[in-house]
Amino acid sequence: MVWGILFILFGVVIWVLNFLGSGWNWGRDWPFLLILWGIYIFTKGLPRKRKKKDVKVILNEIASGKISAEEGLRKLED
């Protein structure tokens, strides 16, 4: 997620520095791809962290006997 933010910031800085003309110019507008890549990396990292936390909580509940393994599997599939 940190890499995503860095790519976004780096792309914005370069793009703003190069953005002096009008229209699409590959030599000037390529940092836009860094911005898109940074957004992709940033959004890809968000659900994964929540998922890991949920898995850890469910496994702890199974280990402590609060829920059964079958109920834990149903929670993980949701």
N, C-alpha and C. Protein backbone atom coordinates (compact mmCIF):
# COMPACT_ATOMS: atom_id res chain seq x y z
N MET A 1 0.82 -1.18 0.00
CA MET A 1 0.00 0.00 0.00
C MET A 1 0.88 1.25 0.00
N VAL A 2 1.99 1.20 0.71
CA VAL A 2 2.90 2.35 0.73
C VAL A 2 3.48 2.58 -0.66
N TRP A 3 3.81 1.48 -1.36
CA TRP A 3 4.34 1.62 -2.72
C TRP A 3 3.32 2.28 -3.63
N GLY A 4 2.06 1.96 -3.45
CA GLY A 4 1.01 2.58 -4.26
C GLY A 4 0.98 4.08 -4.06
N ILE A 5 1.06 4.51 -2.82
CA ILE A 5 1.05 5.95 -2.52
C ILE A 5 2.29 6.62 -3.12
N LEU A 6 3.44 5.96 -3.01
CA LEU A 6 4.67 6.53 -3.57
C LEU A 6 4.58 6.66 -5.08
N PHE A 7 4.04 5.63 -5.77
CA PHE A 7 3.89 5.71 -7.22
C PHE A 7 2.93 6.83 -7.60
N ILE A 8 1.84 6.98 -6.87
CA ILE A 8 0.89 8.04 -7.15
C ILE A 8 1.56 9.41 -7.00
N LEU A 9 2.23 9.63 -5.89
CA LEU A 9 2.89 10.92 -5.65
C LEU A 9 3.98 11.20 -6.68
N PHE A 10 4.80 10.21 -6.96
CA PHE A 10 5.87 10.38 -7.93
C PHE A 10 5.30 10.68 -9.32
N GLY A 11 4.26 9.96 -9.71
CA GLY A 11 3.63 10.19 -11.01
C GLY A 11 3.01 11.57 -11.11
N VAL A 12 2.35 12.01 -10.05
CA VAL A 12 1.71 13.34 -10.06
C VAL A 12 2.77 14.43 -10.17
N VAL A 13 3.85 14.31 -9.41
CA VAL A 13 4.90 15.33 -9.44
C VAL A 13 5.51 15.42 -10.84
N ILE A 14 5.87 14.29 -11.42
CA ILE A 14 6.47 14.31 -12.76
C ILE A 14 5.48 14.83 -13.80
N TRP A 15 4.23 14.38 -13.71
CA TRP A 15 3.22 14.79 -14.68
C TRP A 15 2.96 16.29 -14.61
N VAL A 16 2.87 16.82 -13.41
CA VAL A 16 2.63 18.26 -13.26
C VAL A 16 3.83 19.05 -13.80
N LEU A 17 5.03 18.58 -13.54
CA LEU A 17 6.22 19.27 -14.06
C LEU A 17 6.28 19.24 -15.58
N ASN A 18 5.79 18.17 -16.20
CA ASN A 18 5.82 18.03 -17.65
C ASN A 18 4.61 18.63 -18.35
N PHE A 19 3.56 18.94 -17.60
CA PHE A 19 2.29 19.34 -18.19
C PHE A 19 2.31 20.83 -18.52
N LEU A 20 2.79 21.17 -19.69
CA LEU A 20 2.84 22.56 -20.12
C LEU A 20 2.08 22.79 -21.42
N GLY A 21 1.84 21.78 -22.21
CA GLY A 21 1.13 21.91 -23.47
C GLY A 21 -0.28 21.40 -23.38
N SER A 22 -0.90 21.19 -24.52
CA SER A 22 -2.26 20.64 -24.54
C SER A 22 -2.27 19.35 -25.35
N GLY A 23 -3.29 18.52 -25.10
CA GLY A 23 -3.40 17.25 -25.80
C GLY A 23 -2.52 16.17 -25.20
N TRP A 24 -2.70 14.95 -25.66
CA TRP A 24 -1.93 13.81 -25.16
C TRP A 24 -0.58 13.76 -25.85
N ASN A 25 0.45 13.70 -25.09
CA ASN A 25 1.81 13.61 -25.60
C ASN A 25 2.52 12.54 -24.78
N TRP A 26 2.89 11.44 -25.42
CA TRP A 26 3.47 10.31 -24.69
C TRP A 26 4.69 10.73 -23.90
N GLY A 27 5.55 11.55 -24.46
CA GLY A 27 6.76 11.98 -23.77
C GLY A 27 6.46 12.80 -22.53
N ARG A 28 5.30 13.44 -22.51
CA ARG A 28 4.94 14.28 -21.38
C ARG A 28 4.01 13.56 -20.41
N ASP A 29 3.13 12.72 -20.93
CA ASP A 29 2.05 12.15 -20.11
C ASP A 29 2.30 10.72 -19.62
N TRP A 30 3.48 10.17 -19.82
CA TRP A 30 3.73 8.80 -19.35
C TRP A 30 3.63 8.66 -17.83
N PRO A 31 3.88 9.71 -17.04
CA PRO A 31 3.73 9.54 -15.58
C PRO A 31 2.30 9.21 -15.16
N PHE A 32 1.33 9.50 -16.04
CA PHE A 32 -0.05 9.14 -15.75
C PHE A 32 -0.18 7.63 -15.53
N LEU A 33 0.64 6.85 -16.24
CA LEU A 33 0.64 5.40 -16.04
C LEU A 33 1.14 5.03 -14.64
N LEU A 34 2.11 5.80 -14.12
CA LEU A 34 2.57 5.57 -12.74
C LEU A 34 1.44 5.84 -11.75
N ILE A 35 0.65 6.87 -12.03
CA ILE A 35 -0.47 7.20 -11.15
C ILE A 35 -1.48 6.06 -11.16
N LEU A 36 -1.83 5.57 -12.35
CA LEU A 36 -2.78 4.46 -12.45
C LEU A 36 -2.25 3.21 -11.76
N TRP A 37 -0.97 2.92 -11.96
CA TRP A 37 -0.35 1.75 -11.33
C TRP A 37 -0.36 1.90 -9.82
N GLY A 38 -0.07 3.10 -9.34
CA GLY A 38 -0.10 3.35 -7.89
C GLY A 38 -1.49 3.17 -7.31
N ILE A 39 -2.52 3.63 -8.03
CA ILE A 39 -3.90 3.44 -7.57
C ILE A 39 -4.23 1.96 -7.52
N TYR A 40 -3.80 1.22 -8.53
CA TYR A 40 -4.04 -0.23 -8.56
C TYR A 40 -3.38 -0.92 -7.36
N ILE A 41 -2.11 -0.60 -7.11
CA ILE A 41 -1.39 -1.22 -5.99
C ILE A 41 -2.04 -0.84 -4.66
N PHE A 42 -2.43 0.43 -4.54
CA PHE A 42 -3.06 0.90 -3.30
C PHE A 42 -4.37 0.19 -3.04
N THR A 43 -5.23 0.09 -4.05
CA THR A 43 -6.54 -0.55 -3.85
C THR A 43 -6.41 -2.06 -3.71
N LYS A 44 -5.41 -2.65 -4.33
CA LYS A 44 -5.18 -4.09 -4.19
C LYS A 44 -4.78 -4.45 -2.76
N GLY A 45 -4.08 -3.56 -2.10
CA GLY A 45 -3.60 -3.82 -0.75
C GLY A 45 -4.66 -3.64 0.32
N LEU A 46 -5.70 -2.88 0.07
CA LEU A 46 -6.70 -2.61 1.10
C LEU A 46 -7.48 -3.85 1.54
N PRO A 47 -8.14 -4.58 0.65
CA PRO A 47 -8.94 -5.72 1.13
C PRO A 47 -8.10 -6.84 1.73
N ARG A 48 -6.90 -6.99 1.24
CA ARG A 48 -6.06 -8.08 1.71
C ARG A 48 -5.76 -7.92 3.20
N LYS A 49 -5.50 -6.73 3.66
CA LYS A 49 -5.19 -6.54 5.07
C LYS A 49 -6.40 -6.83 5.94
N ARG A 50 -7.57 -6.40 5.52
CA ARG A 50 -8.77 -6.71 6.29
C ARG A 50 -9.02 -8.20 6.29
N LYS A 51 -8.79 -8.88 5.18
CA LYS A 51 -9.01 -10.31 5.08
C LYS A 51 -8.10 -11.06 6.04
N LYS A 52 -6.83 -10.69 6.10
CA LYS A 52 -5.90 -11.36 7.00
C LYS A 52 -6.34 -11.20 8.45
N LYS A 53 -6.82 -10.02 8.79
CA LYS A 53 -7.27 -9.78 10.15
C LYS A 53 -8.49 -10.65 10.46
N ASP A 54 -9.43 -10.74 9.50
CA ASP A 54 -10.61 -11.57 9.69
C ASP A 54 -10.23 -13.04 9.86
N VAL A 55 -9.30 -13.52 9.07
CA VAL A 55 -8.87 -14.91 9.16
C VAL A 55 -8.25 -15.18 10.53
N LYS A 56 -7.44 -14.25 10.99
CA LYS A 56 -6.80 -14.43 12.29
C LYS A 56 -7.84 -14.49 13.41
N VAL A 57 -8.84 -13.62 13.35
CA VAL A 57 -9.89 -13.61 14.37
C VAL A 57 -10.68 -14.93 14.34
N ILE A 58 -11.02 -15.38 13.13
CA ILE A 58 -11.79 -16.63 13.00
C ILE A 58 -10.98 -17.81 13.51
N LEU A 59 -9.69 -17.86 13.17
CA LEU A 59 -8.86 -18.97 13.65
C LEU A 59 -8.72 -18.95 15.17
N ASN A 60 -8.62 -17.77 15.75
CA ASN A 60 -8.56 -17.68 17.22
C ASN A 60 -9.87 -18.14 17.85
N GLU A 61 -11.00 -17.81 17.22
CA GLU A 61 -12.30 -18.26 17.75
C GLU A 61 -12.42 -19.78 17.68
N ILE A 62 -11.92 -20.37 16.59
CA ILE A 62 -11.94 -21.83 16.47
C ILE A 62 -11.04 -22.46 17.52
N ALA A 63 -9.85 -21.90 17.69
CA ALA A 63 -8.89 -22.45 18.65
C ALA A 63 -9.40 -22.36 20.09
N SER A 64 -10.13 -21.29 20.39
CA SER A 64 -10.64 -21.13 21.75
C SER A 64 -11.94 -21.89 21.98
N GLY A 65 -12.51 -22.45 20.92
CA GLY A 65 -13.72 -23.24 21.05
C GLY A 65 -15.01 -22.43 21.00
N LYS A 66 -14.93 -21.16 20.64
CA LYS A 66 -16.12 -20.32 20.56
C LYS A 66 -17.01 -20.71 19.38
N ILE A 67 -16.38 -21.13 18.27
CA ILE A 67 -17.14 -21.57 17.10
C ILE A 67 -16.55 -22.88 16.61
N SER A 68 -17.33 -23.61 15.84
CA SER A 68 -16.85 -24.87 15.27
C SER A 68 -16.06 -24.60 14.00
N ALA A 69 -15.35 -25.59 13.54
CA ALA A 69 -14.57 -25.46 12.32
C ALA A 69 -15.48 -25.21 11.12
N GLU A 70 -16.64 -25.86 11.09
CA GLU A 70 -17.58 -25.67 9.99
C GLU A 70 -18.10 -24.24 9.96
N GLU A 71 -18.41 -23.69 11.14
CA GLU A 71 -18.89 -22.30 11.21
C GLU A 71 -17.76 -21.34 10.79
N GLY A 72 -16.54 -21.64 11.16
CA GLY A 72 -15.42 -20.81 10.75
C GLY A 72 -15.22 -20.84 9.25
N LEU A 73 -15.39 -22.00 8.64
CA LEU A 73 -15.28 -22.13 7.18
C LEU A 73 -16.37 -21.31 6.50
N ARG A 74 -17.59 -21.34 7.04
CA ARG A 74 -18.68 -20.53 6.45
C ARG A 74 -18.34 -19.04 6.54
N LYS A 75 -17.77 -18.60 7.66
CA LYS A 75 -17.40 -17.19 7.81
C LYS A 75 -16.31 -16.78 6.82
N LEU A 76 -15.37 -17.70 6.60
CA LEU A 76 -14.28 -17.39 5.66
C LEU A 76 -14.79 -17.31 4.22
N GLU A 77 -15.80 -18.09 3.89
CA GLU A 77 -16.33 -18.07 2.53
C GLU A 77 -17.17 -16.84 2.26
N ASP A 78 -17.69 -16.20 3.29
CA ASP A 78 -18.51 -14.99 3.09
C ASP A 78 -17.71 -13.80 2.75
